């Protein structure tokens, strides 16, 4: 049976710059996933990571960047 779990975090008004986004959980395999992003002014940053619960397997890390007016 496949059971996926998803964690979501949203950050607003993150200062402009280059970032490495890390999703980490000590009980998953791999224990972390990294994603590099360059943000400009007035951005909304969403991060979602998904893992397979029974296998404790990290599947994906995804980001979404929206630019605020």
Protein backbone atom coordinates (compact mmCIF):
# COMPACT_ATOMS: atom_id res chain seq x y z
CA UNK A 1 0.00 0.00 0.00
CA UNK A 2 1.28 3.46 -0.92
CA UNK A 3 0.69 6.24 1.60
CA UNK A 4 2.13 9.64 0.76
CA UNK A 5 2.61 12.38 3.30
CA UNK A 6 3.22 16.00 2.43
CA UNK A 7 4.70 18.85 4.44
CA UNK A 8 4.19 22.46 3.36
CA UNK A 9 5.83 25.69 4.49
CA UNK A 10 5.14 29.19 3.14
CA UNK A 11 7.43 32.19 3.68
CA UNK A 12 6.50 35.78 2.87
CA UNK A 13 8.78 38.80 2.44
CA UNK A 14 11.96 36.77 2.29
CA UNK A 15 14.91 39.13 1.72
CA UNK A 16 16.32 39.19 -1.80
CA UNK A 17 19.21 36.79 -2.37
CA UNK A 18 20.38 33.27 -3.12
CA UNK A 19 19.14 30.47 -0.87
CA UNK A 20 19.53 26.75 -0.44
CA UNK A 21 16.23 25.25 0.72
CA UNK A 22 16.61 22.07 2.74
CA UNK A 23 13.89 19.61 3.74
CA UNK A 24 15.30 17.32 6.40
CA UNK A 25 13.92 14.46 8.47
CA UNK A 26 16.21 12.03 10.32
CA UNK A 27 13.94 9.02 9.81
CA UNK A 28 13.63 9.35 6.01
CA UNK A 29 15.83 8.06 3.20
CA UNK A 30 17.53 10.17 2.04
CA UNK A 31 17.57 12.21 5.24
CA UNK A 32 17.44 15.51 3.33
CA UNK A 33 16.78 17.11 -0.02
CA UNK A 34 18.19 20.45 -1.22
CA UNK A 35 16.97 22.99 -3.74
CA UNK A 36 18.76 26.19 -4.76
CA UNK A 37 16.69 29.33 -5.42
CA UNK A 38 17.36 32.97 -6.24
CA UNK A 39 14.71 35.32 -4.86
CA UNK A 40 13.99 38.91 -5.79
CA UNK A 41 12.11 41.55 -3.83
CA UNK A 42 8.55 40.90 -2.67
CA UNK A 43 8.38 37.17 -3.13
CA UNK A 44 6.22 34.50 -1.58
CA UNK A 45 8.09 31.21 -1.27
CA UNK A 46 6.28 27.89 -0.89
CA UNK A 47 8.07 24.64 -0.14
CA UNK A 48 6.47 21.21 -0.29
CA UNK A 49 8.12 17.90 0.38
CA UNK A 50 6.48 14.54 -0.11
CA UNK A 51 7.44 11.18 1.30
CA UNK A 52 6.22 7.59 1.20
CA UNK A 53 5.12 6.86 4.78
CA UNK A 54 5.44 3.04 4.95
CA UNK A 55 8.89 3.02 3.32
CA UNK A 56 10.04 6.27 5.01
CA UNK A 57 11.31 7.30 1.57
CA UNK A 58 11.64 11.01 0.67
CA UNK A 59 10.12 11.38 -2.80
CA UNK A 60 10.23 15.03 -3.83
CA UNK A 61 10.93 18.56 -2.72
CA UNK A 62 9.19 21.26 -4.73
CA UNK A 63 9.19 25.03 -4.52
CA UNK A 64 6.87 27.70 -5.82
CA UNK A 65 7.87 31.34 -6.02
CA UNK A 66 5.22 34.01 -6.50
CA UNK A 67 6.02 37.67 -6.98
CA UNK A 68 3.91 40.11 -5.01
CA UNK A 69 2.87 43.47 -6.50
